PDB file of N, CA and C in Angstrom:
ATOM      1  N   MET A   1     -33.192   1.823  54.992  1.00  0.00           N
ATOM      2  CA  MET A   1     -33.026   2.805  54.015  1.00  0.00           C
ATOM      3  C   MET A   1     -33.587   2.072  52.265  1.00  0.00           C
ATOM      4  N   ASN A   2     -33.248   2.628  51.994  1.00  0.00           N
ATOM      5  CA  ASN A   2     -33.811   1.736  50.183  1.00  0.00           C
ATOM      6  C   ASN A   2     -32.613   1.007  49.629  1.00  0.00           C
ATOM      7  N   THR A   3     -33.033   0.077  49.735  1.00  0.00           N
ATOM      8  CA  THR A   3     -31.739  -0.834  49.186  1.00  0.00           C
ATOM      9  C   THR A   3     -31.352  -1.216  47.542  1.00  0.00           C
ATOM     10  N   LYS A   4     -32.435  -0.462  46.898  1.00  0.00           N
ATOM     11  CA  LYS A   4     -32.859   0.213  45.151  1.00  0.00           C
ATOM     12  C   LYS A   4     -31.425   1.394  45.056  1.00  0.00           C
ATOM     13  N   LEU A   5     -32.272   2.280  46.243  1.00  0.00           N
ATOM     14  CA  LEU A   5     -31.513   3.407  46.044  1.00  0.00           C
ATOM     15  C   LEU A   5     -29.864   3.182  46.006  1.00  0.00           C
ATOM     16  N   ILE A   6     -29.525   2.523  47.063  1.00  0.00           N
ATOM     17  CA  ILE A   6     -28.396   2.166  46.990  1.00  0.00           C
ATOM     18  C   ILE A   6     -27.378   1.865  45.849  1.00  0.00           C
ATOM     19  N   THR A   7     -27.738   0.266  45.666  1.00  0.00           N
ATOM     20  CA  THR A   7     -27.823  -0.047  44.583  1.00  0.00           C
ATOM     21  C   THR A   7     -27.120   0.409  43.666  1.00  0.00           C
ATOM     22  N   GLY A   8     -28.461   1.358  42.351  1.00  0.00           N
ATOM     23  CA  GLY A   8     -27.982   2.243  41.876  1.00  0.00           C
ATOM     24  C   GLY A   8     -27.493   3.116  41.526  1.00  0.00           C
ATOM     25  N   CYS A   9     -27.011   3.565  42.894  1.00  0.00           N
ATOM     26  CA  CYS A   9     -26.040   4.481  43.008  1.00  0.00           C
ATOM     27  C   CYS A   9     -24.298   3.841  43.321  1.00  0.00           C
ATOM     28  N   ALA A  10     -24.308   2.745  44.146  1.00  0.00           N
ATOM     29  CA  ALA A  10     -23.151   2.108  43.540  1.00  0.00           C
ATOM     30  C   ALA A  10     -22.753   1.870  42.348  1.00  0.00           C
ATOM     31  N   LEU A  11     -23.934   0.855  41.283  1.00  0.00           N
ATOM     32  CA  LEU A  11     -23.653   0.965  39.918  1.00  0.00           C
ATOM     33  C   LEU A  11     -23.423   2.171  39.168  1.00  0.00           C
ATOM     34  N   SER A  12     -23.837   3.429  39.489  1.00  0.00           N
ATOM     35  CA  SER A  12     -23.672   4.775  38.772  1.00  0.00           C
ATOM     36  C   SER A  12     -21.803   5.065  39.226  1.00  0.00           C
ATOM     37  N   GLY A  13     -21.811   4.653  40.109  1.00  0.00           N
ATOM     38  CA  GLY A  13     -20.086   5.131  40.498  1.00  0.00           C
ATOM     39  C   GLY A  13     -19.317   4.306  40.054  1.00  0.00           C
ATOM     40  N   LEU A  14     -19.747   2.911  39.962  1.00  0.00           N
ATOM     41  CA  LEU A  14     -18.533   1.698  39.022  1.00  0.00           C
ATOM     42  C   LEU A  14     -18.696   2.098  37.717  1.00  0.00           C
ATOM     43  N   VAL A  15     -20.088   2.297  36.913  1.00  0.00           N
ATOM     44  CA  VAL A  15     -19.996   3.206  35.529  1.00  0.00           C
ATOM     45  C   VAL A  15     -18.864   3.972  35.216  1.00  0.00           C
ATOM     46  N   VAL A  16     -19.040   4.858  36.094  1.00  0.00           N
ATOM     47  CA  VAL A  16     -18.303   6.217  35.868  1.00  0.00           C
ATOM     48  C   VAL A  16     -17.050   5.906  36.096  1.00  0.00           C
ATOM     49  N   ALA A  17     -16.303   5.510  37.222  1.00  0.00           N
ATOM     50  CA  ALA A  17     -15.062   4.894  37.410  1.00  0.00           C
ATOM     51  C   ALA A  17     -14.112   4.130  36.455  1.00  0.00           C
ATOM     52  N   GLY A  18     -15.406   3.664  36.118  1.00  0.00           N
ATOM     53  CA  GLY A  18     -14.608   2.457  34.946  1.00  0.00           C
ATOM     54  C   GLY A  18     -15.016   3.588  33.660  1.00  0.00           C
ATOM     55  N   GLY A  19     -15.474   4.609  33.124  1.00  0.00           N
ATOM     56  CA  GLY A  19     -15.495   5.424  32.371  1.00  0.00           C
ATOM     57  C   GLY A  19     -14.090   6.144  32.478  1.00  0.00           C
ATOM     58  N   ILE A  20     -14.019   6.654  33.403  1.00  0.00           N
ATOM     59  CA  ILE A  20     -12.762   7.375  33.862  1.00  0.00           C
ATOM     60  C   ILE A  20     -11.325   6.533  33.390  1.00  0.00           C
ATOM     61  N   ALA A  21     -11.164   5.127  34.501  1.00  0.00           N
ATOM     62  CA  ALA A  21     -10.071   4.155  33.657  1.00  0.00           C
ATOM     63  C   ALA A  21      -9.686   4.304  32.693  1.00  0.00           C
ATOM     64  N   THR A  22     -10.748   4.082  31.561  1.00  0.00           N
ATOM     65  CA  THR A  22     -10.826   4.104  30.344  1.00  0.00           C
ATOM     66  C   THR A  22     -10.220   5.254  28.824  1.00  0.00           C
ATOM     67  N   MET A  23     -10.395   6.168  29.749  1.00  0.00           N
ATOM     68  CA  MET A  23      -9.910   7.348  29.858  1.00  0.00           C
ATOM     69  C   MET A  23      -8.521   7.667  30.182  1.00  0.00           C
ATOM     70  N   VAL A  24      -8.387   7.224  31.444  1.00  0.00           N
ATOM     71  CA  VAL A  24      -6.889   7.580  31.448  1.00  0.00           C
ATOM     72  C   VAL A  24      -5.949   6.328  31.025  1.00  0.00           C
ATOM     73  N   SER A  25      -6.642   5.413  30.683  1.00  0.00           N
ATOM     74  CA  SER A  25      -5.515   4.450  29.869  1.00  0.00           C
ATOM     75  C   SER A  25      -5.749   4.090  28.637  1.00  0.00           C
ATOM     76  N   ALA A  26      -6.397   4.921  28.316  1.00  0.00           N
ATOM     77  CA  ALA A  26      -5.995   5.363  26.459  1.00  0.00           C
ATOM     78  C   ALA A  26      -5.430   6.732  26.519  1.00  0.00           C
ATOM     79  N   GLN A  27      -5.287   7.801  27.441  1.00  0.00           N
ATOM     80  CA  GLN A  27      -4.013   8.698  28.163  1.00  0.00           C
ATOM     81  C   GLN A  27      -2.535   8.235  27.859  1.00  0.00           C
ATOM     82  N   THR A  28      -2.850   7.576  28.671  1.00  0.00           N
ATOM     83  CA  THR A  28      -1.604   6.850  29.302  1.00  0.00           C
ATOM     84  C   THR A  28      -1.164   6.154  28.312  1.00  0.00           C
ATOM     85  N   VAL A  29      -1.755   5.228  27.371  1.00  0.00           N
ATOM     86  CA  VAL A  29      -0.803   4.797  26.487  1.00  0.00           C
ATOM     87  C   VAL A  29      -0.212   5.596  24.852  1.00  0.00           C
ATOM     88  N   ALA A  30      -1.321   6.241  24.259  1.00  0.00           N
ATOM     89  CA  ALA A  30      -1.119   7.284  23.468  1.00  0.00           C
ATOM     90  C   ALA A  30       0.507   8.123  24.160  1.00  0.00           C
ATOM     91  N   GLU A  31       0.104   8.500  25.562  1.00  0.00           N
ATOM     92  CA  GLU A  31       1.823   9.585  26.211  1.00  0.00           C
ATOM     93  C   GLU A  31       2.694   8.151  25.921  1.00  0.00           C
ATOM     94  N   ALA A  32       2.499   7.149  26.172  1.00  0.00           N
ATOM     95  CA  ALA A  32       3.979   5.997  26.533  1.00  0.00           C
ATOM     96  C   ALA A  32       4.397   5.929  24.916  1.00  0.00           C
ATOM     97  N   THR A  33       3.711   6.263  23.957  1.00  0.00           N
ATOM     98  CA  THR A  33       3.767   5.737  22.478  1.00  0.00           C
ATOM     99  C   THR A  33       4.402   6.616  21.714  1.00  0.00           C
ATOM    100  N   ASN A  34       3.804   8.070  21.963  1.00  0.00           N
ATOM    101  CA  ASN A  34       4.024   8.849  21.617  1.00  0.00           C
ATOM    102  C   ASN A  34       3.454   8.835  19.993  1.00  0.00           C
ATOM    103  N   LEU A  35       2.607   8.223  19.527  1.00  0.00           N
ATOM    104  CA  LEU A  35       1.495   8.409  18.342  1.00  0.00           C
ATOM    105  C   LEU A  35       0.263   7.792  19.052  1.00  0.00           C
ATOM    106  N   THR A  36      -0.372   8.339  17.969  1.00  0.00           N
ATOM    107  CA  THR A  36      -2.421   8.151  17.883  1.00  0.00           C
ATOM    108  C   THR A  36      -2.169   6.832  17.153  1.00  0.00           C
ATOM    109  N   GLU A  37      -3.482   6.258  17.626  1.00  0.00           N
ATOM    110  CA  GLU A  37      -4.031   5.193  16.822  1.00  0.00           C
ATOM    111  C   GLU A  37      -3.791   5.160  14.941  1.00  0.00           C
ATOM    112  N   GLU A  38      -4.579   6.632  14.992  1.00  0.00           N
ATOM    113  CA  GLU A  38      -4.949   7.482  13.440  1.00  0.00           C
ATOM    114  C   GLU A  38      -3.123   7.595  12.376  1.00  0.00           C
ATOM    115  N   GLN A  39      -2.406   8.542  13.573  1.00  0.00           N
ATOM    116  CA  GLN A  39      -0.963   8.157  13.064  1.00  0.00           C
ATOM    117  C   GLN A  39      -0.527   7.103  12.710  1.00  0.00           C
ATOM    118  N   VAL A  40      -0.109   5.526  13.533  1.00  0.00           N
ATOM    119  CA  VAL A  40      -0.024   4.335  12.818  1.00  0.00           C
ATOM    120  C   VAL A  40      -0.532   3.756  12.020  1.00  0.00           C
ATOM    121  N   ILE A  41      -1.958   3.877  11.350  1.00  0.00           N
ATOM    122  CA  ILE A  41      -2.643   3.407  10.719  1.00  0.00           C
ATOM    123  C   ILE A  41      -2.593   4.141   9.069  1.00  0.00           C
ATOM    124  N   GLU A  42      -2.504   5.807   9.595  1.00  0.00           N
ATOM    125  CA  GLU A  42      -1.589   6.256   7.999  1.00  0.00           C
ATOM    126  C   GLU A  42      -0.130   6.221   7.529  1.00  0.00           C
ATOM    127  N   ILE A  43       0.749   5.741   9.318  1.00  0.00           N
ATOM    128  CA  ILE A  43       1.897   5.387   8.522  1.00  0.00           C
ATOM    129  C   ILE A  43       2.071   3.670   7.502  1.00  0.00           C
ATOM    130  N   ALA A  44       1.512   2.481   7.785  1.00  0.00           N
ATOM    131  CA  ALA A  44       0.907   1.725   7.749  1.00  0.00           C
ATOM    132  C   ALA A  44       0.646   1.872   6.428  1.00  0.00           C
ATOM    133  N   LEU A  45      -0.871   2.490   6.243  1.00  0.00           N
ATOM    134  CA  LEU A  45      -1.185   2.772   4.736  1.00  0.00           C
ATOM    135  C   LEU A  45      -0.852   3.018   3.836  1.00  0.00           C
ATOM    136  N   MET A  46       0.600   3.907   4.231  1.00  0.00           N
ATOM    137  CA  MET A  46       1.651   4.664   3.052  1.00  0.00           C
ATOM    138  C   MET A  46       2.315   3.802   3.146  1.00  0.00           C
ATOM    139  N   GLU A  47       2.758   2.580   3.770  1.00  0.00           N
ATOM    140  CA  GLU A  47       2.983   0.992   3.534  1.00  0.00           C
ATOM    141  C   GLU A  47       2.377   0.140   2.401  1.00  0.00           C
ATOM    142  N   VAL A  48       1.518  -0.199   2.781  1.00  0.00           N
ATOM    143  CA  VAL A  48       0.786  -0.943   2.286  1.00  0.00           C
ATOM    144  C   VAL A  48      -0.141  -0.187   2.102  1.00  0.00           C
ATOM    145  N   PRO A  49      -1.144  -0.012   1.006  1.00  0.00           N
ATOM    146  CA  PRO A  49      -2.111   0.746   0.276  1.00  0.00           C
ATOM    147  C   PRO A  49      -3.261  -0.247   0.763  1.00  0.00           C
ATOM    148  N   GLY A  50      -4.446  -0.024   1.071  1.00  0.00           N
ATOM    149  CA  GLY A  50      -5.834  -1.255   0.721  1.00  0.00           C
ATOM    150  C   GLY A  50      -6.601  -1.215   2.231  1.00  0.00           C
ATOM    151  N   GLU A  51      -7.043  -1.960   2.275  1.00  0.00           N
ATOM    152  CA  GLU A  51      -8.163  -1.771   4.158  1.00  0.00           C
ATOM    153  C   GLU A  51      -7.809  -2.552   4.600  1.00  0.00           C
ATOM    154  N   LEU A  52      -7.931  -1.666   6.031  1.00  0.00           N
ATOM    155  CA  LEU A  52      -7.493  -1.896   7.690  1.00  0.00           C
ATOM    156  C   LEU A  52      -8.284  -2.667   7.866  1.00  0.00           C
ATOM    157  N   MET A  53      -7.735  -3.523   8.904  1.00  0.00           N
ATOM    158  CA  MET A  53      -8.462  -5.328   9.440  1.00  0.00           C
ATOM    159  C   MET A  53      -8.341  -4.963  10.526  1.00  0.00           C
ATOM    160  N   GLU A  54      -7.335  -4.482  11.379  1.00  0.00           N
ATOM    161  CA  GLU A  54      -6.612  -4.818  12.625  1.00  0.00           C
ATOM    162  C   GLU A  54      -5.702  -3.668  12.898  1.00  0.00           C
ATOM    163  N   VAL A  55      -5.582  -3.219  14.690  1.00  0.00           N
ATOM    164  CA  VAL A  55      -4.527  -2.398  14.960  1.00  0.00           C
ATOM    165  C   VAL A  55      -4.508  -2.764  16.231  1.00  0.00           C
ATOM    166  N   GLU A  56      -2.960  -3.285  16.859  1.00  0.00           N
ATOM    167  CA  GLU A  56      -3.416  -3.787  18.157  1.00  0.00           C
ATOM    168  C   GLU A  56      -1.382  -3.568  18.529  1.00  0.00           C
ATOM    169  N   LEU A  57      -1.545  -2.919  19.879  1.00  0.00           N
ATOM    170  CA  LEU A  57      -0.358  -2.537  20.266  1.00  0.00           C
ATOM    171  C   LEU A  57       0.417  -3.706  21.235  1.00  0.00           C
ATOM    172  N   GLU A  58       1.531  -4.115  21.227  1.00  0.00           N
ATOM    173  CA  GLU A  58       1.768  -5.248  21.468  1.00  0.00           C
ATOM    174  C   GLU A  58       3.053  -4.583  21.970  1.00  0.00           C
ATOM    175  N   ASP A  59       3.794  -5.596  23.248  1.00  0.00           N
ATOM    176  CA  ASP A  59       4.970  -5.471  23.925  1.00  0.00           C
ATOM    177  C   ASP A  59       5.626  -6.550  22.848  1.00  0.00           C
ATOM    178  N   SER A  60       6.601  -6.391  22.742  1.00  0.00           N
ATOM    179  CA  SER A  60       7.669  -7.234  22.062  1.00  0.00           C
ATOM    180  C   SER A  60       9.411  -7.084  22.165  1.00  0.00           C
ATOM    181  N   ARG A  61      10.224  -8.078  22.465  1.00  0.00           N
ATOM    182  CA  ARG A  61      11.451  -8.112  22.502  1.00  0.00           C
ATOM    183  C   ARG A  61      12.609  -6.689  22.044  1.00  0.00           C
ATOM    184  N   LYS A  62      11.551  -6.236  20.852  1.00  0.00           N
ATOM    185  CA  LYS A  62      11.865  -4.520  20.226  1.00  0.00           C
ATOM    186  C   LYS A  62      11.175  -4.012  20.767  1.00  0.00           C
ATOM    187  N   GLY A  63      10.813  -4.076  21.766  1.00  0.00           N
ATOM    188  CA  GLY A  63      10.134  -2.535  22.673  1.00  0.00           C
ATOM    189  C   GLY A  63       8.148  -2.600  22.515  1.00  0.00           C
ATOM    190  N   GLN A  64       7.289  -1.776  22.527  1.00  0.00           N
ATOM    191  CA  GLN A  64       6.123  -1.448  22.169  1.00  0.00           C
ATOM    192  C   GLN A  64       6.160  -0.915  20.633  1.00  0.00           C
ATOM    193  N   ILE A  65       5.934  -2.190  20.032  1.00  0.00           N
ATOM    194  CA  ILE A  65       4.805  -1.974  18.706  1.00  0.00           C
ATOM    195  C   ILE A  65       3.601  -2.348  18.282  1.00  0.00           C
ATOM    196  N   TYR A  66       3.079  -1.219  17.359  1.00  0.00           N
ATOM    197  CA  TYR A  66       1.779  -1.674  16.952  1.00  0.00           C
ATOM    198  C   TYR A  66       2.236  -2.609  15.523  1.00  0.00           C
ATOM    199  N   GLU A  67       0.991  -3.566  15.519  1.00  0.00           N
ATOM    200  CA  GLU A  67       0.693  -4.681  14.400  1.00  0.00           C
ATOM    201  C   GLU A  67      -0.565  -4.092  13.718  1.00  0.00           C
ATOM    202  N   VAL A  68      -0.298  -3.761  12.127  1.00  0.00           N
ATOM    203  CA  VAL A  68      -1.289  -3.243  11.767  1.00  0.00           C
ATOM    204  C   VAL A  68      -1.655  -4.646  10.294  1.00  0.00           C
ATOM    205  N   GLU A  69      -3.240  -5.076  10.882  1.00  0.00           N
ATOM    206  CA  GLU A  69      -2.997  -5.812  10.024  1.00  0.00           C
ATOM    207  C   GLU A  69      -4.041  -5.124   8.518  1.00  0.00           C
ATOM    208  N   ILE A  70      -3.684  -5.789   7.245  1.00  0.00           N
ATOM    209  CA  ILE A  70      -4.341  -4.554   5.989  1.00  0.00           C
ATOM    210  C   ILE A  70      -4.033  -5.426   5.068  1.00  0.00           C
ATOM    211  N   THR A  71      -5.704  -5.680   4.159  1.00  0.00           N
ATOM    212  CA  THR A  71      -5.878  -6.382   2.984  1.00  0.00           C
ATOM    213  C   THR A  71      -5.753  -5.352   1.926  1.00  0.00           C
ATOM    214  N   ALA A  72      -3.963  -6.208   1.032  1.00  0.00           N
ATOM    215  CA  ALA A  72      -4.299  -5.326   0.349  1.00  0.00           C
ATOM    216  C   ALA A  72      -4.441  -5.158  -0.764  1.00  0.00           C
ATOM    217  N   GLU A  73      -4.240  -4.178  -1.418  1.00  0.00           N
ATOM    218  CA  GLU A  73      -4.879  -3.550  -3.308  1.00  0.00           C
ATOM    219  C   GLU A  73      -5.368  -4.890  -3.822  1.00  0.00           C
ATOM    220  N   ASP A  74      -4.678  -6.088  -3.664  1.00  0.00           N
ATOM    221  CA  ASP A  74      -4.317  -7.281  -4.550  1.00  0.00           C
ATOM    222  C   ASP A  74      -4.700  -7.675  -4.151  1.00  0.00           C
ATOM    223  N   GLY A  75      -5.208  -7.844  -2.821  1.00  0.00           N
ATOM    224  CA  GLY A  75      -6.274  -8.912  -1.681  1.00  0.00           C
ATOM    225  C   GLY A  75      -5.264 -10.319  -1.071  1.00  0.00           C
ATOM    226  N   THR A  76      -3.867  -9.662  -1.075  1.00  0.00           N
ATOM    227  CA  THR A  76      -3.221 -10.229   0.139  1.00  0.00           C
ATOM    228  C   THR A  76      -3.216  -9.315   1.301  1.00  0.00           C
ATOM    229  N   GLU A  77      -3.334 -10.654   1.905  1.00  0.00           N
ATOM    230  CA  GLU A  77      -3.223 -10.114   3.982  1.00  0.00           C
ATOM    231  C   GLU A  77      -2.429  -9.571   4.286  1.00  0.00           C
ATOM    232  N   VAL A  78      -1.415  -8.385   4.545  1.00  0.00           N
ATOM    233  CA  VAL A  78      -0.504  -8.091   4.978  1.00  0.00           C
ATOM    234  C   VAL A  78       0.043  -7.478   6.591  1.00  0.00           C
ATOM    235  N   GLU A  79       0.700  -7.925   7.777  1.00  0.00           N
ATOM    236  CA  GLU A  79       0.693  -7.498   8.569  1.00  0.00           C
ATOM    237  C   GLU A  79       1.929  -5.925   8.755  1.00  0.00           C
ATOM    238  N   VAL A  80       2.108  -5.621   8.978  1.00  0.00           N
ATOM    239  CA  VAL A  80       3.018  -4.051   9.016  1.00  0.00           C
ATOM    240  C   VAL A  80       2.884  -3.846  10.228  1.00  0.00           C
ATOM    241  N   GLU A  81       4.509  -4.254  11.274  1.00  0.00           N
ATOM    242  CA  GLU A  81       4.771  -3.870  12.445  1.00  0.00           C
ATOM    243  C   GLU A  81       5.428  -2.520  12.323  1.00  0.00           C
ATOM    244  N   ILE A  82       4.904  -1.741  13.555  1.00  0.00           N
ATOM    245  CA  ILE A  82       5.473   0.242  13.417  1.00  0.00           C
ATOM    246  C   ILE A  82       5.940   0.156  15.454  1.00  0.00           C
ATOM    247  N   ALA A  83       7.354   0.518  15.106  1.00  0.00           N
ATOM    248  CA  ALA A  83       7.776   0.532  16.293  1.00  0.00           C
ATOM    249  C   ALA A  83       6.934   1.975  17.287  1.00  0.00           C
ATOM    250  N   ALA A  84       6.410   1.855  18.288  1.00  0.00           N
ATOM    251  CA  ALA A  84       5.345   2.508  19.293  1.00  0.00           C
ATOM    252  C   ALA A  84       5.734   3.689  19.189  1.00  0.00           C
ATOM    253  N   SER A  85       7.662   3.635  19.566  1.00  0.00           N
ATOM    254  CA  SER A  85       7.567   4.871  20.250  1.00  0.00           C
ATOM    255  C   SER A  85       8.453   6.227  18.726  1.00  0.00           C
ATOM    256  N   THR A  86       8.889   5.298  17.686  1.00  0.00           N
ATOM    257  CA  THR A  86       8.779   6.283  16.884  1.00  0.00           C
ATOM    258  C   THR A  86       8.463   6.300  15.450  1.00  0.00           C
ATOM    259  N   GLY A  87       7.462   5.729  15.449  1.00  0.00           N
ATOM    260  CA  GLY A  87       6.687   5.417  13.957  1.00  0.00           C
ATOM    261  C   GLY A  87       7.670   4.789  13.077  1.00  0.00           C
ATOM    262  N   GLU A  88       8.906   3.819  13.097  1.00  0.00           N
ATOM    263  CA  GLU A  88       9.409   3.191  12.307  1.00  0.00           C
ATOM    264  C   GLU A  88       9.362   2.681  11.306  1.00  0.00           C
ATOM    265  N   VAL A  89       8.989   2.182  10.776  1.00  0.00           N
ATOM    266  CA  VAL A  89       8.348   0.594  10.201  1.00  0.00           C
ATOM    267  C   VAL A  89       9.092  -0.368  10.401  1.00  0.00           C
ATOM    268  N   LEU A  90       9.005  -1.158  10.656  1.00  0.00           N
ATOM    269  CA  LEU A  90      10.272  -2.193  11.241  1.00  0.00           C
ATOM    270  C   LEU A  90       9.693  -3.490  10.467  1.00  0.00           C
ATOM    271  N   LYS A  91       9.038  -4.068  10.034  1.00  0.00           N
ATOM    272  CA  LYS A  91       8.840  -5.214   9.057  1.00  0.00           C
ATOM    273  C   LYS A  91       7.251  -5.137   8.369  1.00  0.00           C
ATOM    274  N   VAL A  92       7.153  -6.166   7.365  1.00  0.00           N
ATOM    275  CA  VAL A  92       6.255  -5.822   6.286  1.00  0.00           C
ATOM    276  C   VAL A  92       5.719  -7.261   5.812  1.00  0.00           C
ATOM    277  N   GLU A  93       5.377  -8.287   6.128  1.00  0.00           N
ATOM    278  CA  GLU A  93       5.337  -8.978   6.008  1.00  0.00           C
ATOM    279  C   GLU A  93       3.479  -9.916   5.824  1.00  0.00           C
ATOM    280  N   ALA A  94       3.061  -9.886   4.026  1.00  0.00           N
ATOM    281  CA  ALA A  94       2.186 -10.762   3.678  1.00  0.00           C
ATOM    282  C   ALA A  94       2.402 -12.496   4.334  1.00  0.00           C
ATOM    283  N   ASP A  95       1.012 -12.495   4.037  1.00  0.00           N
ATOM    284  CA  ASP A  95       0.523 -13.388   4.930  1.00  0.00           C
ATOM    285  C   ASP A  95       0.933 -14.982   4.140  1.00  0.00           C
ATOM    286  N   GLY A  96       1.025 -15.817   5.795  1.00  0.00           N
ATOM    287  CA  GLY A  96       2.261 -17.157   4.797  1.00  0.00           C
ATOM    288  C   GLY A  96       3.939 -17.201   5.103  1.00  0.00           C
ATOM    289  N   GLU A  97       3.718 -15.740   5.385  1.00  0.00           N
ATOM    290  CA  GLU A  97       5.267 -15.472   4.979  1.00  0.00           C
ATOM    291  C   GLU A  97       5.928 -15.223   6.970  1.00  0.00           C
ATOM    292  N   GLY A  98       7.424 -15.540   6.321  1.00  0.00           N
ATOM    293  CA  GLY A  98       8.144 -15.720   7.802  1.00  0.00           C
ATOM    294  C   GLY A  98       8.494 -16.826   8.713  1.00  0.00           C
ATOM    295  N   CYS A  99       8.735 -17.355   9.785  1.00  0.00           N
ATOM    296  CA  CYS A  99       8.913 -18.003  10.368  1.00  0.00           C
ATOM    297  C   CYS A  99       8.230 -19.633  10.119  1.00  0.00           C
ATOM    298  N   ASP A 100       6.795 -19.452   9.568  1.00  0.00           N
ATOM    299  CA  ASP A 100       6.468 -20.768   9.883  1.00  0.00           C
ATOM    300  C   ASP A 100       7.062 -21.787   9.479  1.00  0.00           C
ATOM    301  N   LYS A 101       6.769 -23.167   9.869  1.00  0.00           N
ATOM    302  CA  LYS A 101       7.558 -23.891   9.891  1.00  0.00           C
ATOM    303  C   LYS A 101       6.322 -24.755   8.141  1.00  0.00           C
ATOM    304  N   ASP A 102       7.609 -25.743   8.205  1.00  0.00           N
ATOM    305  CA  ASP A 102       6.809 -25.891   6.313  1.00  0.00           C
ATOM    306  C   ASP A 102       6.081 -26.679   6.046  1.00  0.00           C
ATOM    307  N   ASP A 103       4.811 -27.131   5.490  1.00  0.00           N
ATOM    308  CA  ASP A 103       3.839 -27.648   5.294  1.00  0.00           C
ATOM    309  C   ASP A 103       3.965 -28.362   4.992  1.00  0.00           C
ATOM    310  N   ASP A 104       4.502 -28.934   4.139  1.00  0.00           N
ATOM    311  CA  ASP A 104       5.472 -30.359   3.546  1.00  0.00           C
ATOM    312  C   ASP A 104       5.586 -31.204   4.704  1.00  0.00           C
ATOM    313  N   GLY A 105       6.722 -30.611   6.110  1.00  0.00           N
ATOM    314  CA  GLY A 105       6.400 -31.728   7.333  1.00  0.00           C
ATOM    315  C   GLY A 105       8.098 -31.822   7.484  1.00  0.00           C
ATOM    316  N   ASP A 106       8.641 -31.603   5.531  1.00  0.00           N
ATOM    317  CA  ASP A 106      10.305 -32.239   6.369  1.00  0.00           C
ATOM    318  C   ASP A 106      11.366 -31.421   6.873  1.00  0.00           C
ATOM    319  N   ARG A 107      12.124 -31.689   7.561  1.00  0.00           N
ATOM    320  CA  ARG A 107      13.319 -30.867   8.561  1.00  0.00           C
ATOM    321  C   ARG A 107      14.345 -31.246   7.514  1.00  0.00           C
ATOM    322  N   ALA A 108      14.757 -30.307   7.998  1.00  0.00           N
ATOM    323  CA  ALA A 108      16.585 -30.369   7.341  1.00  0.00           C
ATOM    324  C   ALA A 108      17.278 -30.908   8.876  1.00  0.00           C
TER     325      ALA A 108
END
């Protein structure tokens, strides 16, 4: 048999299988979270108007959350955490806030 033909068919099958797996994966995420990425972005931008930078679905102690990074209209980088199951805004934090250690190195 022609090995090029067999190799070509095998690669085509892998590409199709990969595409189907990606579609199933995206559908599974949407079903598991009850929200589409577009809905999450809309919620985040209503909370912090500005330019969308990044959206990530993460597992945390709080369950699955979306972390949405936005550059606010005043230029501040802001992270909005949204519960994937409910769409509830869990946290809004400007870059540099939170539990970062002191920059001056002093310890209490």
